[in-house]
Amino acid sequence: MKNLANSITLKGTHIEITIDISTFNTAEPAFPFPIILIVNRQILAGTCWSREGGKLAGQPGDPYGLLQELLNVLKSVLQKQAEYRTTLFIYFSDYLFKCEDESSLLIYYNNELLSYTDCPEFKGKHKGVVELPLKEFVEDVLKISREYLEKYAPLIAKIQLEHGETPEKCDYLWELYREVKELYEKSSDQIIRACRNGKC
């Protein structure tokens, strides 16, 4: 790991992603940056070791892959698929997204790396379920994806090039973002109606 800068935070109403760009994982370039993913104050990605100060830290992940998979979750949900399983391109993690109805989303998570923590406050927090309003989840993912693409993707690409890695081209991610945004705009009327009926 080599020191570079500090961190990037992408934040919505329910989702917060912190990407530590002060280190680059040269040993595992498929998971180049430590990532913390928090949804509704629950830790879906992150780790803690007492020898490293006993604070929540990122676990190896790929920011591009994470946002790509979150957009794929939206695409799946908006196309009425019942569930979507993924690693979110985060090392030693597993996630299952389930849409119970048109107004809420359940995220079943298992952060295996956190299960090995020696920090007492994080013991037993490596797996669980988060429930959140579907509409707000969709809007969070669209917001943070656009912010990443516009502000931070060039910085991530620059860091990867500095370490001899080929950065991901963002054309596909932009295309996926636009496709999901269009799907959402078409289906948002249904979600809004569900919310007005007290199911949100």
N, C-alpha and C. Protein backbone atom coordinates (compact mmCIF):
# COMPACT_ATOMS: atom_id res chain seq x y z
N MET A 1 0.85 -1.19 0.00
CA MET A 1 0.00 0.00 0.00
C MET A 1 0.89 1.25 0.00
N LYS A 2 0.47 2.22 -0.81
CA LYS A 2 1.28 3.43 -0.93
C LYS A 2 0.41 4.65 -0.64
N ASN A 3 0.92 5.59 0.13
CA ASN A 3 0.17 6.80 0.48
C ASN A 3 -0.05 7.69 -0.73
N LEU A 4 -1.29 8.21 -0.86
CA LEU A 4 -1.62 9.11 -1.96
C LEU A 4 -2.31 10.36 -1.45
N ALA A 5 -3.60 10.30 -1.19
CA ALA A 5 -4.34 11.50 -0.75
C ALA A 5 -5.16 11.17 0.48
N ASN A 6 -6.47 11.43 0.46
CA ASN A 6 -7.29 11.09 1.63
C ASN A 6 -8.47 10.20 1.27
N SER A 7 -9.70 10.73 1.29
CA SER A 7 -10.84 9.86 0.99
C SER A 7 -11.93 10.61 0.25
N ILE A 8 -12.79 9.85 -0.38
CA ILE A 8 -13.96 10.34 -1.10
C ILE A 8 -15.18 9.83 -0.36
N THR A 9 -16.16 10.70 -0.12
CA THR A 9 -17.41 10.26 0.50
C THR A 9 -18.57 10.57 -0.43
N LEU A 10 -19.37 9.55 -0.72
CA LEU A 10 -20.58 9.68 -1.52
C LEU A 10 -21.75 9.44 -0.56
N LYS A 11 -22.65 10.39 -0.46
CA LYS A 11 -23.67 10.28 0.57
C LYS A 11 -25.06 10.62 0.03
N GLY A 12 -26.02 9.75 0.36
CA GLY A 12 -27.41 10.01 0.06
C GLY A 12 -28.19 10.06 1.36
N THR A 13 -29.50 9.89 1.27
CA THR A 13 -30.35 9.90 2.47
C THR A 13 -30.07 8.68 3.35
N HIS A 14 -29.90 7.52 2.73
CA HIS A 14 -29.71 6.26 3.47
C HIS A 14 -28.33 5.64 3.28
N ILE A 15 -27.67 5.94 2.16
CA ILE A 15 -26.42 5.27 1.79
C ILE A 15 -25.24 6.22 1.97
N GLU A 16 -24.16 5.68 2.55
CA GLU A 16 -22.91 6.44 2.63
C GLU A 16 -21.76 5.52 2.24
N ILE A 17 -21.00 5.95 1.25
CA ILE A 17 -19.84 5.20 0.77
C ILE A 17 -18.59 6.04 0.98
N THR A 18 -17.60 5.47 1.65
CA THR A 18 -16.32 6.15 1.82
C THR A 18 -15.24 5.33 1.13
N ILE A 19 -14.53 5.98 0.22
CA ILE A 19 -13.46 5.33 -0.54
C ILE A 19 -12.14 5.94 -0.07
N ASP A 20 -11.28 5.12 0.50
CA ASP A 20 -9.98 5.59 0.98
C ASP A 20 -9.00 5.59 -0.19
N ILE A 21 -8.66 6.79 -0.68
CA ILE A 21 -7.73 6.87 -1.80
C ILE A 21 -6.30 7.18 -1.34
N SER A 22 -6.08 7.08 -0.03
CA SER A 22 -4.71 7.28 0.49
C SER A 22 -3.87 6.03 0.33
N THR A 23 -4.52 4.91 0.00
CA THR A 23 -3.79 3.66 -0.22
C THR A 23 -4.29 3.01 -1.49
N PHE A 24 -3.42 2.26 -2.13
CA PHE A 24 -3.78 1.51 -3.34
C PHE A 24 -3.29 0.08 -3.16
N ASN A 25 -4.20 -0.86 -3.34
CA ASN A 25 -3.90 -2.27 -3.11
C ASN A 25 -3.16 -2.86 -4.32
N THR A 26 -1.84 -2.73 -4.32
CA THR A 26 -1.05 -3.24 -5.44
C THR A 26 -1.04 -4.77 -5.47
N ALA A 27 -1.26 -5.41 -4.32
CA ALA A 27 -1.27 -6.88 -4.26
C ALA A 27 -2.53 -7.45 -4.90
N GLU A 28 -3.66 -6.74 -4.79
CA GLU A 28 -4.95 -7.18 -5.35
C GLU A 28 -5.57 -6.03 -6.13
N PRO A 29 -5.07 -5.71 -7.33
CA PRO A 29 -5.60 -4.56 -8.06
C PRO A 29 -7.07 -4.69 -8.45
N ALA A 30 -7.63 -5.90 -8.36
CA ALA A 30 -9.08 -6.06 -8.61
C ALA A 30 -9.90 -5.41 -7.50
N PHE A 31 -9.29 -5.25 -6.33
CA PHE A 31 -9.92 -4.57 -5.18
C PHE A 31 -8.99 -3.43 -4.75
N PRO A 32 -8.91 -2.36 -5.56
CA PRO A 32 -7.82 -1.39 -5.37
C PRO A 32 -7.91 -0.47 -4.16
N PHE A 33 -9.13 -0.19 -3.67
CA PHE A 33 -9.27 0.81 -2.61
C PHE A 33 -10.08 0.28 -1.43
N PRO A 34 -9.71 0.64 -0.20
CA PRO A 34 -10.53 0.30 0.96
C PRO A 34 -11.86 1.07 0.90
N ILE A 35 -12.96 0.35 1.12
CA ILE A 35 -14.30 0.95 1.02
C ILE A 35 -15.10 0.65 2.28
N ILE A 36 -15.79 1.68 2.77
CA ILE A 36 -16.79 1.52 3.84
C ILE A 36 -18.15 1.79 3.21
N LEU A 37 -19.08 0.87 3.43
CA LEU A 37 -20.46 1.05 2.94
C LEU A 37 -21.39 0.97 4.14
N ILE A 38 -22.11 2.06 4.37
CA ILE A 38 -23.07 2.11 5.48
C ILE A 38 -24.45 2.41 4.91
N VAL A 39 -25.43 1.62 5.30
CA VAL A 39 -26.82 1.85 4.89
C VAL A 39 -27.67 1.89 6.16
N ASN A 40 -28.38 3.01 6.34
CA ASN A 40 -29.20 3.19 7.55
C ASN A 40 -28.41 2.90 8.83
N ARG A 41 -27.20 3.42 8.89
CA ARG A 41 -26.30 3.31 10.04
C ARG A 41 -25.85 1.87 10.32
N GLN A 42 -26.11 0.94 9.40
CA GLN A 42 -25.59 -0.42 9.54
C GLN A 42 -24.40 -0.59 8.60
N ILE A 43 -23.37 -1.28 9.09
CA ILE A 43 -22.12 -1.45 8.34
C ILE A 43 -22.25 -2.64 7.40
N LEU A 44 -22.35 -2.35 6.10
CA LEU A 44 -22.44 -3.42 5.11
C LEU A 44 -21.07 -3.78 4.54
N ALA A 45 -20.13 -2.85 4.64
CA ALA A 45 -18.73 -3.12 4.26
C ALA A 45 -17.84 -2.25 5.13
N GLY A 46 -16.82 -2.88 5.66
CA GLY A 46 -15.89 -2.19 6.54
C GLY A 46 -15.32 -3.19 7.53
N THR A 47 -14.21 -2.85 8.14
CA THR A 47 -13.59 -3.75 9.10
C THR A 47 -12.94 -2.95 10.23
N CYS A 48 -12.51 -3.64 11.25
CA CYS A 48 -11.88 -2.97 12.40
C CYS A 48 -10.89 -3.93 13.05
N TRP A 49 -9.70 -3.40 13.36
CA TRP A 49 -8.67 -4.17 14.06
C TRP A 49 -8.10 -3.30 15.17
N SER A 50 -8.01 -3.84 16.36
CA SER A 50 -7.51 -3.05 17.50
C SER A 50 -6.08 -2.59 17.27
N ARG A 51 -5.25 -3.40 16.61
CA ARG A 51 -3.85 -3.03 16.35
C ARG A 51 -3.73 -1.84 15.40
N GLU A 52 -4.85 -1.53 14.68
CA GLU A 52 -4.84 -0.39 13.76
C GLU A 52 -5.66 0.77 14.31
N GLY A 53 -5.81 0.81 15.62
CA GLY A 53 -6.47 1.93 16.26
C GLY A 53 -7.91 1.68 16.70
N GLY A 54 -8.43 0.52 16.37
CA GLY A 54 -9.79 0.17 16.82
C GLY A 54 -10.89 1.00 16.19
N LYS A 55 -10.64 1.56 14.99
CA LYS A 55 -11.65 2.36 14.30
C LYS A 55 -12.11 1.66 13.04
N LEU A 56 -13.33 1.97 12.64
CA LEU A 56 -13.87 1.40 11.40
C LEU A 56 -13.01 1.83 10.22
N ALA A 57 -12.60 0.86 9.41
CA ALA A 57 -11.77 1.13 8.23
C ALA A 57 -12.38 0.40 7.04
N GLY A 58 -11.95 0.79 5.86
CA GLY A 58 -12.47 0.16 4.66
C GLY A 58 -11.93 -1.23 4.45
N GLN A 59 -12.68 -2.01 3.67
CA GLN A 59 -12.17 -3.30 3.25
C GLN A 59 -11.98 -3.26 1.74
N PRO A 60 -11.07 -4.09 1.21
CA PRO A 60 -10.73 -3.99 -0.20
C PRO A 60 -11.96 -4.07 -1.11
N GLY A 61 -12.02 -3.13 -2.05
CA GLY A 61 -13.16 -3.10 -2.97
C GLY A 61 -12.83 -2.31 -4.22
N ASP A 62 -13.78 -2.33 -5.15
CA ASP A 62 -13.63 -1.62 -6.41
C ASP A 62 -14.78 -0.62 -6.54
N PRO A 63 -14.50 0.69 -6.46
CA PRO A 63 -15.57 1.69 -6.52
C PRO A 63 -16.41 1.60 -7.79
N TYR A 64 -15.75 1.41 -8.93
CA TYR A 64 -16.46 1.29 -10.20
C TYR A 64 -17.42 0.10 -10.16
N GLY A 65 -16.89 -1.06 -9.73
CA GLY A 65 -17.71 -2.26 -9.65
C GLY A 65 -18.86 -2.13 -8.66
N LEU A 66 -18.59 -1.46 -7.54
CA LEU A 66 -19.63 -1.24 -6.53
C LEU A 66 -20.80 -0.46 -7.11
N LEU A 67 -20.50 0.66 -7.78
CA LEU A 67 -21.57 1.48 -8.34
C LEU A 67 -22.26 0.79 -9.52
N GLN A 68 -21.49 0.06 -10.30
CA GLN A 68 -22.08 -0.72 -11.39
C GLN A 68 -23.10 -1.72 -10.84
N GLU A 69 -22.73 -2.41 -9.78
CA GLU A 69 -23.63 -3.40 -9.20
C GLU A 69 -24.84 -2.76 -8.53
N LEU A 70 -24.65 -1.62 -7.87
CA LEU A 70 -25.81 -0.93 -7.29
C LEU A 70 -26.79 -0.50 -8.38
N LEU A 71 -26.26 -0.04 -9.51
CA LEU A 71 -27.14 0.30 -10.64
C LEU A 71 -27.81 -0.95 -11.20
N ASN A 72 -27.09 -2.07 -11.24
CA ASN A 72 -27.70 -3.33 -11.69
C ASN A 72 -28.81 -3.79 -10.74
N VAL A 73 -28.64 -3.53 -9.44
CA VAL A 73 -29.70 -3.83 -8.47
C VAL A 73 -30.94 -3.03 -8.82
N LEU A 74 -30.76 -1.73 -9.09
CA LEU A 74 -31.89 -0.87 -9.45
C LEU A 74 -32.57 -1.37 -10.71
N LYS A 75 -31.76 -1.69 -11.70
CA LYS A 75 -32.31 -2.19 -12.97
C LYS A 75 -33.16 -3.43 -12.74
N SER A 76 -32.63 -4.34 -11.93
CA SER A 76 -33.34 -5.58 -11.60
C SER A 76 -34.66 -5.29 -10.89
N VAL A 77 -34.61 -4.42 -9.88
CA VAL A 77 -35.80 -4.08 -9.09
C VAL A 77 -36.85 -3.38 -9.96
N LEU A 78 -36.39 -2.43 -10.77
CA LEU A 78 -37.31 -1.67 -11.60
C LEU A 78 -37.91 -2.51 -12.72
N GLN A 79 -37.24 -3.62 -13.06
CA GLN A 79 -37.79 -4.55 -14.05
C GLN A 79 -38.58 -5.68 -13.38
N LYS A 80 -38.90 -5.48 -12.10
CA LYS A 80 -39.77 -6.38 -11.31
C LYS A 80 -39.16 -7.74 -11.03
N GLN A 81 -37.83 -7.85 -11.03
CA GLN A 81 -37.21 -9.10 -10.62
C GLN A 81 -37.21 -9.16 -9.09
N ALA A 82 -37.48 -10.33 -8.56
CA ALA A 82 -37.72 -10.46 -7.12
C ALA A 82 -36.47 -10.23 -6.28
N GLU A 83 -35.29 -10.66 -6.78
CA GLU A 83 -34.09 -10.51 -5.96
C GLU A 83 -32.84 -10.44 -6.82
N TYR A 84 -31.77 -9.95 -6.19
CA TYR A 84 -30.49 -9.80 -6.89
C TYR A 84 -29.38 -10.06 -5.88
N ARG A 85 -28.53 -11.05 -6.19
CA ARG A 85 -27.41 -11.39 -5.30
C ARG A 85 -26.10 -10.92 -5.92
N THR A 86 -25.21 -10.35 -5.10
CA THR A 86 -23.97 -9.80 -5.61
C THR A 86 -22.94 -9.67 -4.48
N THR A 87 -21.69 -9.54 -4.87
CA THR A 87 -20.62 -9.22 -3.89
C THR A 87 -20.40 -7.71 -3.82
N LEU A 88 -21.01 -6.96 -4.74
CA LEU A 88 -20.79 -5.52 -4.87
C LEU A 88 -19.31 -5.18 -5.11
N PHE A 89 -18.54 -6.17 -5.58
CA PHE A 89 -17.11 -5.98 -5.81
C PHE A 89 -16.39 -5.56 -4.53
N ILE A 90 -16.86 -6.11 -3.40
CA ILE A 90 -16.21 -5.87 -2.11
C ILE A 90 -15.73 -7.23 -1.58
N TYR A 91 -14.45 -7.28 -1.26
CA TYR A 91 -13.77 -8.50 -0.84
C TYR A 91 -14.45 -9.14 0.37
N PHE A 92 -14.69 -10.46 0.31
CA PHE A 92 -15.27 -11.23 1.41
C PHE A 92 -16.64 -10.72 1.85
N SER A 93 -17.49 -10.37 0.88
CA SER A 93 -18.83 -9.90 1.21
C SER A 93 -19.86 -10.52 0.30
N ASP A 94 -21.09 -10.60 0.80
CA ASP A 94 -22.20 -11.16 0.02
C ASP A 94 -23.47 -10.38 0.36
N TYR A 95 -24.23 -10.03 -0.67
CA TYR A 95 -25.43 -9.22 -0.48
C TYR A 95 -26.59 -9.79 -1.29
N LEU A 96 -27.76 -9.78 -0.70
CA LEU A 96 -28.98 -10.18 -1.40
C LEU A 96 -29.99 -9.04 -1.25
N PHE A 97 -30.40 -8.50 -2.39
CA PHE A 97 -31.39 -7.42 -2.42
C PHE A 97 -32.73 -8.02 -2.80
N LYS A 98 -33.74 -7.80 -1.95
CA LYS A 98 -35.07 -8.36 -2.21
C LYS A 98 -36.12 -7.26 -2.11
N CYS A 99 -36.96 -7.21 -3.11
CA CYS A 99 -38.06 -6.24 -3.12
C CYS A 99 -39.32 -6.98 -2.68
N GLU A 100 -39.77 -6.69 -1.48
CA GLU A 100 -40.95 -7.35 -0.93
C GLU A 100 -42.23 -6.87 -1.59
N ASP A 101 -42.27 -5.58 -1.91
CA ASP A 101 -43.41 -4.99 -2.60
C ASP A 101 -42.89 -3.79 -3.38
N GLU A 102 -43.79 -2.93 -3.85
CA GLU A 102 -43.35 -1.80 -4.67
C GLU A 102 -42.84 -0.63 -3.85
N SER A 103 -42.83 -0.77 -2.53
CA SER A 103 -42.42 0.39 -1.72
C SER A 103 -41.21 0.16 -0.83
N SER A 104 -40.80 -1.09 -0.61
CA SER A 104 -39.66 -1.30 0.29
C SER A 104 -38.68 -2.33 -0.25
N LEU A 105 -37.43 -2.16 0.18
CA LEU A 105 -36.34 -3.03 -0.24
C LEU A 105 -35.65 -3.60 0.99
N LEU A 106 -35.34 -4.89 0.94
CA LEU A 106 -34.58 -5.54 2.01
C LEU A 106 -33.18 -5.87 1.48
N ILE A 107 -32.17 -5.58 2.28
CA ILE A 107 -30.79 -5.94 1.93
C ILE A 107 -30.28 -6.90 2.99
N TYR A 108 -30.05 -8.15 2.59
CA TYR A 108 -29.45 -9.14 3.48
C TYR A 108 -27.94 -9.09 3.21
N TYR A 109 -27.15 -8.89 4.25
CA TYR A 109 -25.71 -8.74 4.04
C TYR A 109 -24.92 -9.67 4.95
N ASN A 110 -23.77 -10.09 4.44
CA ASN A 110 -22.82 -10.89 5.21
C ASN A 110 -21.42 -10.39 4.89
N ASN A 111 -20.85 -9.63 5.82
CA ASN A 111 -19.52 -9.06 5.68
C ASN A 111 -18.56 -9.97 6.43
N GLU A 112 -18.07 -10.99 5.72
CA GLU A 112 -17.27 -12.03 6.37
C GLU A 112 -16.01 -11.46 7.04
N LEU A 113 -15.40 -10.47 6.40
CA LEU A 113 -14.17 -9.89 6.96
C LEU A 113 -14.42 -9.29 8.35
N LEU A 114 -15.57 -8.63 8.52
CA LEU A 114 -15.88 -8.02 9.82
C LEU A 114 -16.15 -9.08 10.89
N SER A 115 -16.50 -10.30 10.47
CA SER A 115 -16.75 -11.36 11.45
C SER A 115 -15.49 -11.73 12.23
N TYR A 116 -14.31 -11.39 11.69
CA TYR A 116 -13.04 -11.70 12.35
C TYR A 116 -12.53 -10.56 13.22
N THR A 117 -13.30 -9.49 13.34
CA THR A 117 -12.83 -8.32 14.08
C THR A 117 -12.50 -8.65 15.53
N ASP A 118 -11.52 -7.89 16.07
CA ASP A 118 -11.24 -8.01 17.50
C ASP A 118 -11.65 -6.73 18.22
N CYS A 119 -12.44 -5.89 17.55
CA CYS A 119 -12.97 -4.66 18.16
C CYS A 119 -14.34 -4.98 18.77
N PRO A 120 -14.48 -4.88 20.10
CA PRO A 120 -15.72 -5.31 20.76
C PRO A 120 -16.98 -4.66 20.21
N GLU A 121 -16.92 -3.37 19.85
CA GLU A 121 -18.14 -2.68 19.41
C GLU A 121 -18.65 -3.15 18.04
N PHE A 122 -17.83 -3.90 17.30
CA PHE A 122 -18.25 -4.37 15.98
C PHE A 122 -18.50 -5.88 15.94
N LYS A 123 -18.28 -6.55 17.07
CA LYS A 123 -18.52 -8.00 17.10
C LYS A 123 -20.01 -8.30 16.89
N GLY A 124 -20.29 -9.26 16.04
CA GLY A 124 -21.67 -9.66 15.76
C GLY A 124 -22.40 -8.74 14.79
N LYS A 125 -21.72 -7.73 14.25
CA LYS A 125 -22.37 -6.79 13.34
C LYS A 125 -22.04 -7.08 11.88
N HIS A 126 -21.49 -8.26 11.62
CA HIS A 126 -21.05 -8.57 10.26
C HIS A 126 -22.18 -9.02 9.34
N LYS A 127 -23.32 -9.39 9.92
CA LYS A 127 -24.43 -9.76 9.04
C LYS A 127 -25.77 -9.33 9.63
N GLY A 128 -26.73 -9.19 8.74
CA GLY A 128 -28.04 -8.74 9.18
C GLY A 128 -28.91 -8.37 7.99
N VAL A 129 -29.97 -7.61 8.27
CA VAL A 129 -30.92 -7.19 7.23
C VAL A 129 -31.20 -5.70 7.43
N VAL A 130 -31.21 -4.96 6.33
CA VAL A 130 -31.60 -3.55 6.35
C VAL A 130 -32.85 -3.40 5.50
N GLU A 131 -33.83 -2.68 6.01
CA GLU A 131 -35.02 -2.37 5.22
C GLU A 131 -35.08 -0.87 5.00
N LEU A 132 -35.38 -0.48 3.78
CA LEU A 132 -35.47 0.95 3.50
C LEU A 132 -36.47 1.20 2.37
N PRO A 133 -37.00 2.44 2.28
CA PRO A 133 -37.96 2.75 1.22
C PRO A 133 -37.32 2.60 -0.16
N LEU A 134 -37.98 1.90 -1.04
CA LEU A 134 -37.45 1.64 -2.37
C LEU A 134 -37.17 2.94 -3.13
N LYS A 135 -38.12 3.85 -3.11
CA LYS A 135 -37.98 5.10 -3.84
C LYS A 135 -36.72 5.85 -3.41
N GLU A 136 -36.49 5.93 -2.10
CA GLU A 136 -35.34 6.67 -1.59
C GLU A 136 -34.02 5.94 -1.90
N PHE A 137 -34.06 4.61 -1.90
CA PHE A 137 -32.87 3.84 -2.27
C PHE A 137 -32.51 4.11 -3.73
N VAL A 138 -33.51 4.08 -4.60
CA VAL A 138 -33.28 4.35 -6.02
C VAL A 138 -32.67 5.74 -6.20
N GLU A 139 -33.25 6.72 -5.54
CA GLU A 139 -32.77 8.09 -5.68
C GLU A 139 -31.35 8.26 -5.12
N ASP A 140 -31.06 7.57 -4.02
CA ASP A 140 -29.70 7.61 -3.45
C ASP A 140 -28.68 7.07 -4.45
N VAL A 141 -28.97 5.90 -5.02
CA VAL A 141 -28.01 5.26 -5.93
C VAL A 141 -27.81 6.11 -7.18
N LEU A 142 -28.88 6.67 -7.72
CA LEU A 142 -28.75 7.54 -8.89
C LEU A 142 -27.90 8.78 -8.55
N LYS A 143 -28.14 9.36 -7.39
CA LYS A 143 -27.41 10.57 -6.98
C LYS A 143 -25.91 10.29 -6.81
N ILE A 144 -25.58 9.23 -6.05
CA ILE A 144 -24.17 8.98 -5.78
C ILE A 144 -23.44 8.47 -7.03
N SER A 145 -24.14 7.75 -7.91
CA SER A 145 -23.52 7.28 -9.15
C SER A 145 -23.15 8.45 -10.04
N ARG A 146 -24.09 9.40 -10.19
CA ARG A 146 -23.80 10.58 -11.02
C ARG A 146 -22.65 11.40 -10.41
N GLU A 147 -22.68 11.56 -9.10
CA GLU A 147 -21.62 12.32 -8.42
C GLU A 147 -20.26 11.66 -8.64
N TYR A 148 -20.21 10.34 -8.52
CA TYR A 148 -18.96 9.60 -8.74
C TYR A 148 -18.46 9.82 -10.17
N LEU A 149 -19.36 9.63 -11.15
CA LEU A 149 -18.98 9.75 -12.55
C LEU A 149 -18.49 11.15 -12.89
N GLU A 150 -19.18 12.16 -12.38
CA GLU A 150 -18.83 13.55 -12.73
C GLU A 150 -17.59 14.05 -11.99
N LYS A 151 -17.47 13.70 -10.71
CA LYS A 151 -16.42 14.31 -9.88
C LYS A 151 -15.21 13.42 -9.62
N TYR A 152 -15.44 12.12 -9.43
CA TYR A 152 -14.37 11.29 -8.86
C TYR A 152 -13.80 10.22 -9.79
N ALA A 153 -14.53 9.81 -10.81
CA ALA A 153 -14.01 8.77 -11.71
C ALA A 153 -12.67 9.17 -12.34
N PRO A 154 -12.50 10.44 -12.77
CA PRO A 154 -11.19 10.82 -13.34
C PRO A 154 -10.05 10.71 -12.32
N LEU A 155 -10.32 11.03 -11.07
CA LEU A 155 -9.30 10.92 -10.02
C LEU A 155 -8.92 9.46 -9.77
N ILE A 156 -9.93 8.60 -9.70
CA ILE A 156 -9.68 7.16 -9.51
C ILE A 156 -8.84 6.62 -10.68
N ALA A 157 -9.21 7.02 -11.91
CA ALA A 157 -8.48 6.58 -13.11
C ALA A 157 -7.02 7.04 -13.05
N LYS A 158 -6.80 8.26 -12.61
CA LYS A 158 -5.43 8.81 -12.51
C LYS A 158 -4.59 7.98 -11.53
N ILE A 159 -5.18 7.64 -10.40
CA ILE A 159 -4.46 6.85 -9.38
C ILE A 159 -4.13 5.46 -9.94
N GLN A 160 -5.09 4.85 -10.64
CA GLN A 160 -4.84 3.53 -11.22
C GLN A 160 -3.71 3.58 -12.24
N LEU A 161 -3.71 4.61 -13.09
CA LEU A 161 -2.64 4.77 -14.09
C LEU A 161 -1.29 4.93 -13.43
N GLU A 162 -1.25 5.68 -12.32
CA GLU A 162 0.01 5.89 -11.60
C GLU A 162 0.59 4.58 -11.07
N HIS A 163 -0.28 3.59 -10.89
CA HIS A 163 0.17 2.27 -10.39
C HIS A 163 0.25 1.23 -11.50
N GLY A 164 0.24 1.70 -12.75
CA GLY A 164 0.41 0.79 -13.89
C GLY A 164 -0.82 -0.03 -14.21
N GLU A 165 -1.97 0.34 -13.66
CA GLU A 165 -3.22 -0.38 -13.94
C GLU A 165 -4.03 0.34 -15.01
N THR A 166 -4.79 -0.42 -15.76
CA THR A 166 -5.67 0.16 -16.78
C THR A 166 -6.99 0.53 -16.13
N PRO A 167 -7.34 1.81 -16.11
CA PRO A 167 -8.61 2.20 -15.46
C PRO A 167 -9.83 1.76 -16.27
N GLU A 168 -10.94 1.60 -15.57
CA GLU A 168 -12.19 1.27 -16.24
C GLU A 168 -12.64 2.46 -17.08
N LYS A 169 -13.15 2.18 -18.27
CA LYS A 169 -13.75 3.26 -19.06
C LYS A 169 -15.16 3.49 -18.52
N CYS A 170 -15.53 4.74 -18.38
CA CYS A 170 -16.81 5.06 -17.74
C CYS A 170 -17.99 5.09 -18.70
N ASP A 171 -17.73 4.83 -19.99
CA ASP A 171 -18.83 4.87 -20.97
C ASP A 171 -19.96 3.92 -20.59
N TYR A 172 -19.57 2.68 -20.21
CA TYR A 172 -20.59 1.69 -19.86
C TYR A 172 -21.36 2.12 -18.61
N LEU A 173 -20.66 2.66 -17.62
CA LEU A 173 -21.32 3.08 -16.38
C LEU A 173 -22.29 4.24 -16.64
N TRP A 174 -21.88 5.17 -17.50
CA TRP A 174 -22.79 6.26 -17.89
C TRP A 174 -24.03 5.71 -18.60
N GLU A 175 -23.79 4.76 -19.49
CA GLU A 175 -24.90 4.15 -20.25
C GLU A 175 -25.87 3.45 -19.30
N LEU A 176 -25.32 2.71 -18.34
CA LEU A 176 -26.14 2.01 -17.36
C LEU A 176 -26.90 3.00 -16.49
N TYR A 177 -26.22 4.07 -16.07
CA TYR A 177 -26.86 5.12 -15.27
C TYR A 177 -28.07 5.70 -16.02
N ARG A 178 -27.87 6.06 -17.28
CA ARG A 178 -28.97 6.66 -18.07
C ARG A 178 -30.12 5.67 -18.26
N GLU A 179 -29.79 4.41 -18.49
CA GLU A 179 -30.82 3.38 -18.67
C GLU A 179 -31.66 3.23 -17.40
N VAL A 180 -30.98 3.18 -16.25
CA VAL A 180 -31.69 3.01 -14.97
C VAL A 180 -32.52 4.25 -14.65
N LYS A 181 -31.96 5.42 -14.92
CA LYS A 181 -32.69 6.67 -14.67
C LYS A 181 -33.98 6.72 -15.49
N GLU A 182 -33.89 6.29 -16.74
CA GLU A 182 -35.07 6.26 -17.61
C GLU A 182 -36.10 5.26 -17.09
N LEU A 183 -35.63 4.09 -16.67
CA LEU A 183 -36.53 3.08 -16.09
C LEU A 183 -37.25 3.63 -14.87
N TYR A 184 -36.47 4.34 -14.03
CA TYR A 184 -37.05 4.91 -12.81
C TYR A 184 -38.10 5.96 -13.12
N GLU A 185 -37.79 6.82 -14.08
CA GLU A 185 -38.74 7.87 -14.43
C GLU A 185 -40.06 7.28 -14.94
N LYS A 186 -39.96 6.15 -15.65
CA LYS A 186 -41.16 5.48 -16.15
C LYS A 186 -41.96 4.83 -15.04
N SER A 187 -41.24 4.30 -14.04
CA SER A 187 -41.94 3.56 -12.98
C SER A 187 -42.21 4.39 -11.72
N SER A 188 -41.68 5.61 -11.67
CA SER A 188 -41.81 6.40 -10.44
C SER A 188 -43.25 6.72 -10.09
N ASP A 189 -44.09 6.81 -11.09
CA ASP A 189 -45.51 7.07 -10.81
C ASP A 189 -46.11 5.95 -9.95
N GLN A 190 -45.73 4.71 -10.24
CA GLN A 190 -46.23 3.57 -9.45
C GLN A 190 -45.72 3.64 -8.02
N ILE A 191 -44.43 3.98 -7.86
CA ILE A 191 -43.84 4.06 -6.52
C ILE A 191 -44.50 5.19 -5.73
N ILE A 192 -44.71 6.33 -6.39
CA ILE A 192 -45.36 7.47 -5.73
C ILE A 192 -46.77 7.10 -5.29
N ARG A 193 -47.49 6.39 -6.14
CA ARG A 193 -48.86 5.96 -5.78
C ARG A 193 -48.84 5.04 -4.57
N ALA A 194 -47.86 4.14 -4.53
CA ALA A 194 -47.73 3.21 -3.40
C ALA A 194 -47.47 3.99 -2.12
N CYS A 195 -46.61 5.01 -2.20
CA CYS A 195 -46.30 5.83 -1.03
C CYS A 195 -47.54 6.58 -0.54
N ARG A 196 -48.31 7.07 -1.47
CA ARG A 196 -49.53 7.81 -1.09
C ARG A 196 -50.56 6.92 -0.44
N ASN A 197 -50.46 5.62 -0.74
CA ASN A 197 -51.37 4.66 -0.12
C ASN A 197 -50.83 4.14 1.22
N GLY A 198 -49.79 4.80 1.72
CA GLY A 198 -49.26 4.45 3.04
C GLY A 198 -48.37 3.25 3.07
N LYS A 199 -47.83 2.82 1.91
CA LYS A 199 -46.95 1.64 1.85
C LYS A 199 -45.48 2.04 1.76
N CYS A 200 -45.18 3.26 2.09
CA CYS A 200 -43.82 3.74 1.90
C CYS A 200 -43.22 4.16 3.24
